[in-house]
Amino acid sequence: MFKTTSLIVALASVSLLSLNAAAQEDVTITIWSLDDEKQPALNLAREFSEMDNGITVDYRQIQFDDVVSESMRAFATGQAPDIIAVDNPEHALFAARGAFLDITDMVANSQAIDPDNYFPGPLNS
């Protein structure tokens, strides 16, 4: 099974690819993740931005200890990122506060995401 960050990266990849087809002008997607340059999210974001498809990824590495406070502050002020990676225990908190978009139907209809590859708790939240 994949870690939660992998789930977010997979969902981000699918979301960004679907946005590409709908993009009619240049778009910037903001991603906050715990991943540094040795982990997948930053490198996937960089590779996607280099595709020259009209979608730019603005990537910010966020520190583990700051993810909840900074993210909730950003959400409360309307400055939340489009995509964020959070630790498993934080999923319920973010979901309960309405900070996550419900993508249940998108995951169920996806050809790229197999829900059986992910931990049920984070996937359900």
Protein backbone atom coordinates (compact mmCIF):
# COMPACT_ATOMS: atom_id res chain seq x y z
CA MET A 1 0.00 0.00 0.00
CA PHE A 2 1.07 3.56 -0.66
CA LYS A 3 1.64 6.26 1.90
CA THR A 4 -0.87 9.09 2.10
CA THR A 5 1.48 11.41 0.28
CA SER A 6 1.42 9.00 -2.64
CA LEU A 7 -2.36 9.17 -2.65
CA ILE A 8 -2.25 12.94 -2.81
CA VAL A 9 0.35 12.85 -5.56
CA ALA A 10 -1.70 10.33 -7.55
CA LEU A 11 -4.84 12.42 -7.15
CA ALA A 12 -2.94 15.57 -8.00
CA SER A 13 -1.55 13.98 -11.14
CA VAL A 14 -4.97 12.87 -12.32
CA SER A 15 -6.51 16.24 -11.46
CA LEU A 16 -3.79 18.15 -13.26
CA LEU A 17 -4.06 15.98 -16.34
CA SER A 18 -7.81 16.49 -16.53
CA LEU A 19 -7.33 20.24 -16.11
CA ASN A 20 -4.96 20.22 -19.06
CA ALA A 21 -7.74 19.19 -21.42
CA ALA A 22 -10.03 21.91 -20.11
CA ALA A 23 -7.41 24.67 -19.92
CA GLN A 24 -8.12 27.51 -22.30
CA GLU A 25 -5.62 29.90 -20.80
CA ASP A 26 -2.56 29.60 -18.63
CA VAL A 27 -3.36 28.23 -15.19
CA THR A 28 -1.30 27.99 -12.00
CA ILE A 29 -1.96 25.14 -9.56
CA THR A 30 -0.62 25.58 -6.03
CA ILE A 31 0.65 22.48 -4.23
CA TRP A 32 1.87 22.27 -0.63
CA SER A 33 3.62 19.06 0.35
CA LEU A 34 5.94 17.62 2.94
CA ASP A 35 8.15 16.19 0.19
CA ASP A 36 11.62 17.56 -0.41
CA GLU A 37 13.66 17.17 -3.61
CA LYS A 38 14.45 13.51 -2.84
CA GLN A 39 10.76 12.56 -2.71
CA PRO A 40 8.19 12.35 -5.50
CA ALA A 41 5.83 15.33 -5.16
CA LEU A 42 8.36 18.09 -5.86
CA ASN A 43 9.85 16.24 -8.80
CA LEU A 44 6.45 15.36 -10.28
CA ALA A 45 5.37 18.99 -9.94
CA ARG A 46 8.57 20.16 -11.62
CA GLU A 47 8.22 17.64 -14.46
CA PHE A 48 4.58 18.60 -15.00
CA SER A 49 5.42 22.31 -15.17
CA GLU A 50 8.12 21.58 -17.75
CA MET A 51 5.56 19.96 -20.07
CA ASP A 52 4.67 23.44 -21.41
CA ASN A 53 0.96 22.68 -21.46
CA GLY A 54 -0.35 25.98 -20.10
CA ILE A 55 -0.43 24.73 -16.50
CA THR A 56 2.24 25.85 -14.08
CA VAL A 57 2.73 24.20 -10.71
CA ASP A 58 3.63 26.50 -7.83
CA TYR A 59 5.17 24.07 -5.34
CA ARG A 60 5.82 24.84 -1.69
CA GLN A 61 7.49 22.46 0.71
CA ILE A 62 5.80 22.83 4.07
CA GLN A 63 7.33 21.66 7.33
CA PHE A 64 5.62 18.77 9.10
CA ASP A 65 5.17 20.74 12.34
CA ASP A 66 3.54 23.65 10.48
CA VAL A 67 1.19 21.85 8.11
CA VAL A 68 -1.96 22.06 10.24
CA SER A 69 -1.59 25.63 11.50
CA GLU A 70 -0.47 27.12 8.18
CA SER A 71 -2.98 25.18 6.13
CA MET A 72 -5.94 25.99 8.35
CA ARG A 73 -4.94 29.66 8.42
CA ALA A 74 -4.71 29.65 4.62
CA PHE A 75 -8.07 27.90 4.32
CA ALA A 76 -9.74 30.38 6.72
CA THR A 77 -8.42 33.36 4.74
CA GLY A 78 -9.24 31.96 1.29
CA GLN A 79 -5.56 31.39 0.45
CA ALA A 80 -5.48 27.60 0.63
CA PRO A 81 -3.46 25.69 -1.94
CA ASP A 82 -5.24 23.73 -4.66
CA ILE A 83 -3.57 20.50 -3.54
CA ILE A 84 -2.03 19.64 -0.19
CA ALA A 85 -0.36 16.59 1.30
CA VAL A 86 -1.11 16.01 4.97
CA ASP A 87 -0.32 13.24 7.40
CA ASN A 88 -2.91 10.45 7.83
CA PRO A 89 -4.14 11.55 11.28
CA GLU A 90 -4.92 15.04 9.94
CA HIS A 91 -7.33 13.85 7.22
CA ALA A 92 -10.35 13.73 9.53
CA LEU A 93 -9.61 17.23 10.89
CA PHE A 94 -9.35 18.77 7.43
CA ALA A 95 -12.41 16.90 6.14
CA ALA A 96 -14.52 17.87 9.16
CA ARG A 97 -13.71 21.55 8.60
CA GLY A 98 -14.67 21.39 4.94
CA ALA A 99 -11.12 21.99 3.78
CA PHE A 100 -11.10 19.01 1.40
CA LEU A 101 -13.01 18.75 -1.84
CA ASP A 102 -15.08 15.55 -1.91
CA ILE A 103 -13.58 13.59 -4.79
CA THR A 104 -15.29 10.29 -3.98
CA ASP A 105 -17.11 10.14 -7.32
CA MET A 106 -13.98 11.13 -9.27
CA VAL A 107 -11.97 8.35 -7.63
CA ALA A 108 -14.76 5.82 -8.22
CA ASN A 109 -14.91 6.74 -11.92
CA SER A 110 -11.16 7.02 -12.44
CA GLN A 111 -9.33 4.70 -14.79
CA ALA A 112 -6.01 5.65 -13.14
CA ILE A 113 -6.76 5.30 -9.42
CA ASP A 114 -7.37 1.93 -7.80
CA PRO A 115 -8.82 2.59 -4.33
CA ASP A 116 -7.62 -0.86 -3.20
CA ASN A 117 -4.04 0.48 -3.34
CA TYR A 118 -4.67 2.96 -0.51
CA PHE A 119 -5.34 2.83 3.20
CA PRO A 120 -9.14 2.90 3.80
CA GLY A 121 -9.09 5.54 6.57
CA PRO A 122 -7.41 8.35 4.63
CA LEU A 123 -9.19 7.39 1.43
CA ASN A 124 -12.59 7.54 3.16
CA SER A 125 -11.92 10.84 4.89
